[in-house]
Amino acid sequence: MRGFILISFFLYIAQTVHTQATNIDYKLFELPSAIFKPIDVPQGFRAAYELRIKQLIDHTDSSKGYFYQRAFLSHKGFNKPTVLVTEGYQQHRNRLSELTQLLDANQIIVEHRYFGQSVPEEMDYSYLNLKQATTDLHNITTIFKEIYTSKWISTGISKGGQTTIFYKYYYPDDMDANVPYVAPFCLSYEDKRIYTFLDTIGDASCREKIKNVQFKILENREEALTYLKWYKYGAALDYTYHTFEEAFEYMVLEYPFSFWQWGYKCEDIPDTTRTLEQLLVYLLNISEIDFYSDRDVERYASHYYQAATEMGYYGYETDAFNDLLVALPVSPRPHAAFLPNKMEVEFDGTLVKKVYKWLEKHGDRMIYIYGGTDTWTATAIPPNKDRESLWFFMEGIDHGKARIRNMSEQEKELLYRTLESWLGIPVNPIW
């Protein structure tokens, strides 16, 4: 009898899981303008799908046509909360966010418009703006709230975190909480707060060691270029957006930004008595010349367009190197946004300044997570005691490690308590 009861119990569980998966299939069939296919199911979930969701190219004018936006759904249960992951770039695979695991939630990851496979037949960049991109997210949220009626939380990392912030601005009532990680918020085409950060982060001796490497490589440019050309041939890289010499100088100027962004150690900076070849091998691991090749410029073309038109970005302070730069201009300073097809655009800072001011008065239920040594923290949304929000500036932590799992126990406890208070659901502390 006991064996019969156990078998019946496991059959019941299996049938329940099957029924849940089948029910979500039916509900997806009923969604307007959505295509889906099953994919590998993450552990602990009942079903998972890659989605194609029909979106208007221009949400104010249907005559402009449409495209299909890629998304990934991980289904846990209809009565569970749902985490919306707002990507800033392409998204090739399904992956679980920290918030999804902490809240035992369903999850939808949305590839950003004009990236990856979420592109129209013709890339008219005039429809790549934050109003259109956040309306994509609003449409997806509206559709899936017919299925998932519990709490909703948005989150994103880096440019995805920026998207989370702008989504909050355009559609403040869509989410019950918002958690942007390491999200830059530049206020101008060339945000000079980054120069101040790079001039003050760490100690003076570390900053001096960084600059010495830059000087040594620029002072030996011809020999350095000879080494790097062999690297270019081996990596099969082409340079037509920039000349190879421009790419070389960009690589050297980018070094301090990337050094602090990705958390490299001052004690690992090689002394300039090392050979030029050794210095270049070290530098290529931090500031890649690949990043200025046609391949990478084209890969991030949509990102650069957004940075140059309405999101803002950064440039390079060149005063110390004016006599050593040959290919790049020193006035105006070189900028880090490289426009697709070398198009000419004008930056309009109206939106970022408007959102910045709006957050001062309306930016509630936001949890901002920043790394204390991450260069992008120079452009962080500043703490505001008048808002029902949290700010974490994780001491000694870089762009890639500023995550909840790496917080102190006190920081985690505060974050968990706050989410439980806002959402009225338990947090599952897994770290």
Protein backbone atom coordinates (compact mmCIF):
# COMPACT_ATOMS: atom_id res chain seq x y z
CA MET A 1 0.00 0.00 0.00
CA ARG A 2 2.82 2.43 0.90
CA GLY A 3 4.50 1.77 -2.43
CA PHE A 4 1.24 2.43 -4.23
CA ILE A 5 0.83 5.72 -2.38
CA LEU A 6 4.38 6.86 -3.27
CA ILE A 7 3.91 5.96 -6.92
CA SER A 8 0.60 7.82 -6.97
CA PHE A 9 2.24 10.84 -5.35
CA PHE A 10 5.06 11.03 -7.93
CA LEU A 11 2.60 10.53 -10.77
CA TYR A 12 0.57 13.43 -9.38
CA ILE A 13 3.64 15.67 -9.23
CA ALA A 14 4.66 14.73 -12.77
CA GLN A 15 1.14 15.36 -14.03
CA THR A 16 1.04 18.75 -12.28
CA VAL A 17 4.31 19.82 -13.91
CA HIS A 18 3.10 18.60 -17.29
CA THR A 19 -0.20 20.43 -16.87
CA GLN A 20 1.59 23.67 -15.95
CA ALA A 21 3.79 23.42 -19.04
CA THR A 22 0.83 22.59 -21.23
CA ASN A 23 -1.19 25.48 -19.83
CA ILE A 24 1.58 27.97 -20.56
CA ASP A 25 1.70 26.57 -24.12
CA TYR A 26 -2.00 27.32 -24.54
CA LYS A 27 -1.62 30.80 -23.12
CA LEU A 28 1.29 31.58 -25.44
CA PHE A 29 -0.79 30.43 -28.41
CA GLU A 30 -3.39 33.00 -27.42
CA LEU A 31 -0.95 35.92 -27.26
CA PRO A 32 -1.29 38.50 -30.05
CA SER A 33 1.58 38.69 -32.55
CA ALA A 34 3.91 36.29 -30.73
CA ILE A 35 5.85 33.28 -32.01
CA PHE A 36 7.47 30.84 -29.60
CA LYS A 37 9.51 27.66 -29.50
CA PRO A 38 10.54 25.52 -26.52
CA ILE A 39 14.16 25.68 -25.35
CA ASP A 40 16.14 24.00 -22.58
CA VAL A 41 14.39 24.48 -19.26
CA PRO A 42 16.50 25.94 -16.42
CA GLN A 43 16.64 23.84 -13.29
CA GLY A 44 13.64 24.48 -11.07
CA PHE A 45 11.46 25.90 -13.85
CA ARG A 46 8.54 24.21 -15.59
CA ALA A 47 9.04 25.46 -19.15
CA ALA A 48 11.16 27.85 -21.20
CA TYR A 49 10.76 29.42 -24.62
CA GLU A 50 12.46 31.64 -27.15
CA LEU A 51 9.94 34.25 -28.26
CA ARG A 52 9.52 36.50 -31.27
CA ILE A 53 7.18 39.37 -30.47
CA LYS A 54 5.84 41.64 -33.21
CA GLN A 55 6.70 45.29 -32.57
CA LEU A 56 5.99 48.41 -34.59
CA ILE A 57 9.09 50.15 -35.90
CA ASP A 58 7.39 53.44 -35.02
CA HIS A 59 4.89 53.07 -32.19
CA THR A 60 3.15 56.25 -33.32
CA ASP A 61 2.73 55.22 -36.97
CA SER A 62 1.89 51.64 -37.96
CA SER A 63 2.50 52.44 -41.64
CA LYS A 64 6.26 52.30 -40.97
CA GLY A 65 6.06 48.54 -40.61
CA TYR A 66 7.20 46.16 -37.90
CA PHE A 67 9.95 43.85 -36.75
CA TYR A 68 10.11 40.83 -34.45
CA GLN A 69 11.81 41.32 -31.11
CA ARG A 70 13.57 38.37 -29.53
CA ALA A 71 12.88 37.49 -25.90
CA PHE A 72 13.33 34.50 -23.61
CA LEU A 73 10.70 33.29 -21.16
CA SER A 74 11.39 31.04 -18.18
CA HIS A 75 8.11 29.89 -16.64
CA LYS A 76 7.90 28.88 -12.99
CA GLY A 77 4.25 29.44 -12.10
CA PHE A 78 1.27 31.66 -12.86
CA ASN A 79 1.07 32.86 -9.27
CA LYS A 80 4.78 33.75 -9.07
CA PRO A 81 6.28 37.24 -9.49
CA THR A 82 7.86 38.08 -12.83
CA VAL A 83 11.28 39.64 -13.46
CA LEU A 84 11.68 41.59 -16.69
CA VAL A 85 15.34 41.77 -17.75
CA THR A 86 15.88 44.88 -19.89
CA GLU A 87 18.88 44.18 -22.08
CA GLY A 88 20.89 47.03 -23.58
CA TYR A 89 22.37 45.00 -26.42
CA GLN A 90 21.85 41.66 -28.16
CA GLN A 91 20.90 38.63 -26.07
CA HIS A 92 21.80 35.26 -27.58
CA ARG A 93 20.69 32.89 -24.82
CA ASN A 94 18.48 32.40 -21.84
CA ARG A 95 20.09 33.05 -18.46
CA LEU A 96 18.79 33.64 -14.96
CA SER A 97 19.20 36.98 -13.24
CA GLU A 98 19.95 37.37 -9.55
CA LEU A 99 16.50 38.85 -8.90
CA THR A 100 14.80 35.87 -10.57
CA GLN A 101 16.58 33.48 -8.23
CA LEU A 102 16.04 35.59 -5.12
CA LEU A 103 12.32 36.01 -5.77
CA ASP A 104 11.65 32.49 -7.10
CA ALA A 105 10.15 34.25 -10.10
CA ASN A 106 9.24 33.84 -13.73
CA GLN A 107 11.59 35.70 -16.04
CA ILE A 108 11.41 37.45 -19.41
CA ILE A 109 14.65 38.67 -21.02
CA VAL A 110 14.13 41.19 -23.83
CA GLU A 111 16.77 41.85 -26.46
CA HIS A 112 17.03 45.58 -27.18
CA ARG A 113 15.56 46.86 -30.43
CA TYR A 114 18.06 47.20 -33.30
CA PHE A 115 20.44 44.66 -31.73
CA GLY A 116 21.06 40.99 -32.47
CA GLN A 117 18.02 39.47 -34.19
CA SER A 118 15.64 42.24 -33.08
CA VAL A 119 16.10 44.33 -36.19
CA PRO A 120 13.88 45.51 -39.05
CA GLU A 121 14.72 44.76 -42.66
CA GLU A 122 16.04 48.30 -43.12
CA MET A 123 18.03 49.91 -40.31
CA ASP A 124 16.48 53.35 -40.16
CA TYR A 125 18.22 54.64 -37.07
CA SER A 126 15.78 57.50 -36.59
CA TYR A 127 13.49 54.96 -34.85
CA LEU A 128 16.20 53.84 -32.45
CA ASN A 129 15.44 56.00 -29.45
CA LEU A 130 14.51 55.46 -25.84
CA LYS A 131 10.85 56.29 -26.27
CA GLN A 132 10.47 53.58 -28.92
CA ALA A 133 12.64 51.08 -26.99
CA THR A 134 10.75 51.48 -23.73
CA THR A 135 7.43 51.22 -25.55
CA ASP A 136 8.63 47.84 -26.80
CA LEU A 137 9.04 46.84 -23.15
CA HIS A 138 5.67 48.30 -22.18
CA ASN A 139 3.97 46.26 -24.91
CA ILE A 140 5.61 43.05 -23.73
CA THR A 141 4.71 43.78 -20.11
CA THR A 142 1.12 44.55 -21.06
CA ILE A 143 0.81 41.29 -23.01
CA PHE A 144 2.31 39.10 -20.32
CA LYS A 145 0.42 40.68 -17.44
CA GLU A 146 -2.56 38.81 -18.88
CA ILE A 147 -0.68 35.63 -17.90
CA TYR A 148 1.32 36.72 -14.86
CA THR A 149 -0.76 38.79 -12.47
CA SER A 150 1.53 38.89 -9.43
CA LYS A 151 4.31 41.45 -8.79
CA TRP A 152 6.61 42.65 -11.56
CA ILE A 153 10.24 43.75 -11.19
CA SER A 154 12.53 45.16 -13.88
CA THR A 155 16.31 44.85 -13.84
CA GLY A 156 19.24 45.31 -16.18
CA ILE A 157 23.02 45.54 -16.15
CA SER A 158 25.14 48.42 -17.54
CA LYS A 159 23.38 49.67 -20.68
CA GLY A 160 20.56 47.32 -19.73
CA GLY A 161 20.44 49.14 -16.39
CA GLN A 162 20.16 52.43 -18.25
CA THR A 163 17.21 50.93 -20.10
CA THR A 164 15.64 50.01 -16.75
CA ILE A 165 15.90 53.64 -15.62
CA PHE A 166 14.41 55.09 -18.80
CA TYR A 167 11.64 52.49 -18.73
CA LYS A 168 10.78 53.66 -15.21
CA TYR A 169 10.57 57.23 -16.52
CA TYR A 170 8.34 56.54 -19.52
CA TYR A 171 6.12 53.92 -17.84
CA PRO A 172 6.36 54.53 -14.08
CA ASP A 173 3.39 52.30 -13.21
CA ASP A 174 4.46 49.16 -15.10
CA MET A 175 6.74 47.76 -12.37
CA ASP A 176 6.50 47.28 -8.62
CA ALA A 177 10.29 47.62 -8.20
CA ASN A 178 13.30 48.40 -10.40
CA VAL A 179 16.90 47.26 -9.91
CA PRO A 180 19.46 48.76 -12.33
CA TYR A 181 23.03 47.51 -11.93
CA VAL A 182 26.13 49.60 -12.78
CA ALA A 183 23.98 51.86 -14.95
CA PRO A 184 25.76 54.89 -16.43
CA PHE A 185 23.71 58.05 -16.67
CA CYS A 186 25.66 60.52 -18.77
CA LEU A 187 24.40 64.08 -18.89
CA SER A 188 26.23 65.24 -22.01
CA TYR A 189 27.83 64.00 -25.20
CA GLU A 190 31.18 64.06 -23.39
CA ASP A 191 30.49 63.64 -19.68
CA LYS A 192 33.45 65.26 -17.97
CA ARG A 193 32.66 63.72 -14.59
CA ILE A 194 34.57 60.72 -15.91
CA TYR A 195 37.77 62.78 -16.19
CA THR A 196 37.42 63.83 -12.55
CA PHE A 197 36.92 60.21 -11.53
CA LEU A 198 40.01 59.01 -13.42
CA ASP A 199 42.08 61.84 -11.90
CA THR A 200 41.13 60.89 -8.33
CA ILE A 201 40.40 57.14 -8.15
CA GLY A 202 42.99 54.98 -6.37
CA ASP A 203 46.21 56.51 -5.15
CA ALA A 204 48.56 58.86 -6.98
CA SER A 205 51.27 56.23 -7.42
CA CYS A 206 48.84 53.86 -9.17
CA ARG A 207 47.61 56.56 -11.51
CA GLU A 208 51.23 57.46 -12.27
CA LYS A 209 52.08 53.85 -13.14
CA ILE A 210 49.12 53.77 -15.57
CA LYS A 211 50.30 56.96 -17.24
CA ASN A 212 53.88 55.70 -17.49
CA VAL A 213 52.72 52.68 -19.48
CA GLN A 214 50.83 54.99 -21.84
CA PHE A 215 53.88 57.22 -22.31
CA LYS A 216 56.25 54.31 -22.92
CA ILE A 217 54.04 52.82 -25.64
CA LEU A 218 53.29 56.12 -27.39
CA GLU A 219 56.96 57.15 -27.29
CA ASN A 220 57.81 53.92 -29.14
CA ARG A 221 54.90 54.07 -31.58
CA GLU A 222 56.65 52.74 -34.71
CA GLU A 223 57.98 49.65 -32.98
CA ALA A 224 54.64 49.18 -31.22
CA LEU A 225 52.73 49.43 -34.50
CA THR A 226 54.99 46.81 -36.05
CA TYR A 227 54.15 44.35 -33.25
CA LEU A 228 50.44 45.20 -33.41
CA LYS A 229 50.21 44.75 -37.17
CA TRP A 230 51.20 41.12 -36.74
CA TYR A 231 48.47 40.87 -34.11
CA LYS A 232 45.99 42.40 -36.56
CA TYR A 233 46.88 39.88 -39.27
CA GLY A 234 46.66 36.95 -36.87
CA ALA A 235 43.23 38.06 -35.65
CA ALA A 236 42.02 38.83 -39.21
CA LEU A 237 40.94 42.35 -38.24
CA ASP A 238 40.06 45.11 -40.70
CA TYR A 239 40.29 48.83 -40.02
CA THR A 240 38.34 51.16 -42.28
CA TYR A 241 36.21 53.02 -39.71
CA HIS A 242 39.52 54.04 -38.17
CA THR A 243 42.99 53.87 -39.55
CA PHE A 244 45.16 51.37 -37.76
CA GLU A 245 47.17 54.21 -36.24
CA GLU A 246 43.98 55.79 -34.91
CA ALA A 247 42.99 52.47 -33.38
CA PHE A 248 46.42 52.23 -31.74
CA GLU A 249 46.05 55.64 -30.13
CA TYR A 250 42.49 54.93 -29.02
CA MET A 251 43.70 51.72 -27.38
CA VAL A 252 46.31 53.62 -25.36
CA LEU A 253 43.91 56.40 -24.34
CA GLU A 254 41.24 53.88 -23.30
CA TYR A 255 43.57 52.05 -20.93
CA PRO A 256 42.79 53.93 -17.64
CA PHE A 257 39.03 53.80 -18.28
CA SER A 258 39.08 50.02 -18.80
CA PHE A 259 41.62 49.45 -16.02
CA TRP A 260 39.28 50.85 -13.37
CA GLN A 261 36.06 49.66 -14.99
CA TRP A 262 37.12 46.01 -14.91
CA GLY A 263 38.99 46.01 -11.61
CA TYR A 264 42.61 45.40 -12.58
CA LYS A 265 45.22 45.58 -9.83
CA CYS A 266 47.79 48.32 -9.42
CA GLU A 267 50.42 45.83 -8.27
CA ASP A 268 50.10 44.02 -11.62
CA ILE A 269 50.98 47.08 -13.73
CA PRO A 270 54.36 46.28 -15.30
CA ASP A 271 57.30 48.56 -14.72
CA THR A 272 58.38 50.50 -17.79
CA THR A 273 61.75 48.74 -17.68
CA ARG A 274 59.90 45.77 -19.20
CA THR A 275 60.27 45.27 -22.94
CA LEU A 276 57.83 46.99 -25.27
CA GLU A 277 56.49 43.60 -26.32
CA GLN A 278 55.71 42.73 -22.70
CA LEU A 279 53.95 46.07 -22.18
CA LEU A 280 51.83 45.53 -25.28
CA VAL A 281 50.83 42.01 -24.25
CA TYR A 282 49.75 43.44 -20.89
CA LEU A 283 47.84 46.33 -22.47
CA LEU A 284 46.03 44.15 -25.02
CA ASN A 285 44.49 42.16 -22.16
CA ILE A 286 42.92 45.34 -20.76
CA SER A 287 42.37 47.68 -23.68
CA GLU A 288 41.98 45.65 -26.86
CA ILE A 289 42.79 47.11 -30.24
CA ASP A 290 40.10 44.74 -31.57
CA PHE A 291 37.51 47.09 -30.08
CA TYR A 292 38.28 49.65 -32.81
CA SER A 293 38.20 47.20 -35.69
CA ASP A 294 35.37 47.15 -38.25
CA ARG A 295 34.02 43.98 -36.65
CA ASP A 296 33.48 45.53 -33.21
CA VAL A 297 32.44 48.98 -34.41
CA GLU A 298 29.72 47.37 -36.53
CA ARG A 299 28.71 45.04 -33.66
CA TYR A 300 28.07 48.03 -31.40
CA ALA A 301 26.83 50.44 -34.06
CA SER A 302 23.37 50.78 -32.52
CA HIS A 303 24.87 51.44 -29.10
CA TYR A 304 27.09 54.18 -30.47
CA TYR A 305 24.15 55.77 -32.26
CA GLN A 306 22.17 55.94 -29.02
CA ALA A 307 25.15 57.32 -27.10
CA ALA A 308 25.79 60.02 -29.71
CA THR A 309 22.17 61.12 -30.11
CA GLU A 310 20.46 61.06 -26.69
CA MET A 311 22.19 58.92 -24.03
CA GLY A 312 25.58 60.64 -23.83
CA TYR A 313 29.00 59.03 -23.51
CA TYR A 314 32.63 59.87 -22.84
CA GLY A 315 35.74 61.14 -24.54
CA TYR A 316 39.48 61.03 -23.85
CA GLU A 317 41.48 63.63 -21.99
CA THR A 318 44.61 64.11 -24.08
CA ASP A 319 46.47 67.06 -22.51
CA ALA A 320 49.33 64.93 -21.20
CA PHE A 321 49.82 63.24 -24.59
CA ASN A 322 49.32 66.08 -27.08
CA ASP A 323 52.89 65.85 -28.36
CA LEU A 324 52.65 62.09 -28.83
CA LEU A 325 49.34 61.78 -30.66
CA VAL A 326 49.76 61.72 -34.43
CA ALA A 327 46.57 60.20 -35.85
CA LEU A 328 43.89 61.55 -33.49
CA PRO A 329 42.98 65.21 -33.01
CA VAL A 330 43.56 66.84 -29.64
CA SER A 331 40.99 69.58 -30.26
CA PRO A 332 38.22 68.64 -30.14
CA ARG A 333 39.14 65.71 -27.92
CA PRO A 334 38.69 62.19 -29.36
CA HIS A 335 35.31 60.70 -28.50
CA ALA A 336 34.42 57.06 -27.78
CA ALA A 337 31.18 56.84 -29.82
CA PHE A 338 31.72 55.66 -33.40
CA LEU A 339 28.70 56.25 -35.60
CA PRO A 340 27.40 53.55 -37.99
CA ASN A 341 28.39 54.24 -41.58
CA LYS A 342 30.23 57.30 -40.22
CA MET A 343 26.94 59.20 -40.23
CA GLU A 344 26.77 62.67 -38.74
CA VAL A 345 24.31 63.29 -35.93
CA GLU A 346 23.71 65.92 -33.27
CA PHE A 347 23.49 65.14 -29.59
CA ASP A 348 20.34 66.29 -27.81
CA GLY A 349 20.71 66.24 -24.04
CA THR A 350 17.13 67.26 -23.33
CA LEU A 351 15.94 63.76 -22.39
CA VAL A 352 18.77 62.77 -20.02
CA LYS A 353 18.54 66.05 -18.15
CA LYS A 354 14.76 65.79 -17.94
CA VAL A 355 14.91 62.22 -16.61
CA TYR A 356 17.66 63.17 -14.15
CA LYS A 357 15.42 65.90 -12.71
CA TRP A 358 12.35 63.64 -12.79
CA LEU A 359 14.12 61.00 -10.71
CA GLU A 360 14.81 63.58 -8.00
CA LYS A 361 11.05 63.89 -7.39
CA HIS A 362 9.57 60.64 -8.67
CA GLY A 363 12.33 58.02 -8.61
CA ASP A 364 10.84 55.74 -5.97
CA ARG A 365 11.22 51.97 -5.59
CA MET A 366 14.57 51.94 -7.32
CA ILE A 367 17.57 49.96 -6.09
CA TYR A 368 20.79 51.26 -7.67
CA ILE A 369 23.83 48.99 -7.47
CA TYR A 370 27.25 50.45 -8.33
CA GLY A 371 30.87 49.38 -8.00
CA GLY A 372 33.02 51.79 -6.03
CA THR A 373 35.99 51.51 -8.41
CA ASP A 374 33.99 51.21 -11.65
CA THR A 375 34.67 54.13 -13.99
CA TRP A 376 30.97 54.30 -14.90
CA THR A 377 30.13 55.11 -11.28
CA ALA A 378 31.32 58.64 -12.10
CA THR A 379 27.94 59.04 -13.82
CA ALA A 380 25.79 57.36 -11.15
CA ILE A 381 22.36 58.62 -10.15
CA PRO A 382 23.17 60.37 -6.84
CA PRO A 383 21.58 59.22 -3.57
CA ASN A 384 18.47 61.13 -2.54
CA LYS A 385 17.17 60.75 1.04
CA ASP A 386 13.75 62.05 -0.04
CA ARG A 387 13.08 59.07 -2.30
CA GLU A 388 11.88 55.60 -1.34
CA SER A 389 14.90 54.03 -2.99
CA LEU A 390 18.23 52.41 -2.15
CA TRP A 391 21.78 53.07 -3.33
CA PHE A 392 24.68 50.66 -2.98
CA PHE A 393 28.23 51.78 -3.79
CA MET A 394 30.18 48.59 -3.25
CA GLU A 395 33.63 49.44 -1.93
CA GLY A 396 36.52 48.14 -4.03
CA ILE A 397 34.17 46.49 -6.53
CA ASP A 398 34.31 46.89 -10.32
CA HIS A 399 31.75 46.86 -13.14
CA GLY A 400 31.65 43.09 -13.52
CA LYS A 401 31.49 42.21 -9.81
CA ALA A 402 28.93 44.74 -8.57
CA ARG A 403 26.28 42.13 -7.93
CA ILE A 404 24.06 41.23 -4.99
CA ARG A 405 25.96 37.98 -4.40
CA ASN A 406 29.14 40.01 -3.73
CA MET A 407 27.56 42.43 -1.24
CA SER A 408 28.35 42.44 2.45
CA GLU A 409 25.92 40.61 4.71
CA GLN A 410 24.60 43.96 5.96
CA GLU A 411 24.00 45.20 2.41
CA LYS A 412 22.23 42.00 1.42
CA GLU A 413 20.00 42.11 4.48
CA LEU A 414 18.96 45.70 3.73
CA LEU A 415 18.22 44.87 0.10
CA TYR A 416 16.22 41.75 1.00
CA ARG A 417 14.15 43.56 3.65
CA THR A 418 13.42 46.39 1.25
CA LEU A 419 12.26 44.09 -1.55
CA GLU A 420 10.03 42.17 0.84
CA SER A 421 8.52 45.42 2.08
CA TRP A 422 7.84 46.75 -1.42
CA LEU A 423 6.60 43.52 -2.95
CA GLY A 424 4.93 41.77 -0.05
CA ILE A 425 6.59 38.49 -1.00
CA PRO A 426 9.50 36.59 0.60
CA VAL A 427 13.05 36.81 -0.65
CA ASN A 428 14.99 33.56 -0.91
CA PRO A 429 18.52 34.43 0.34
CA ILE A 430 20.65 32.04 -1.70
CA TRP A 431 24.05 33.67 -1.12
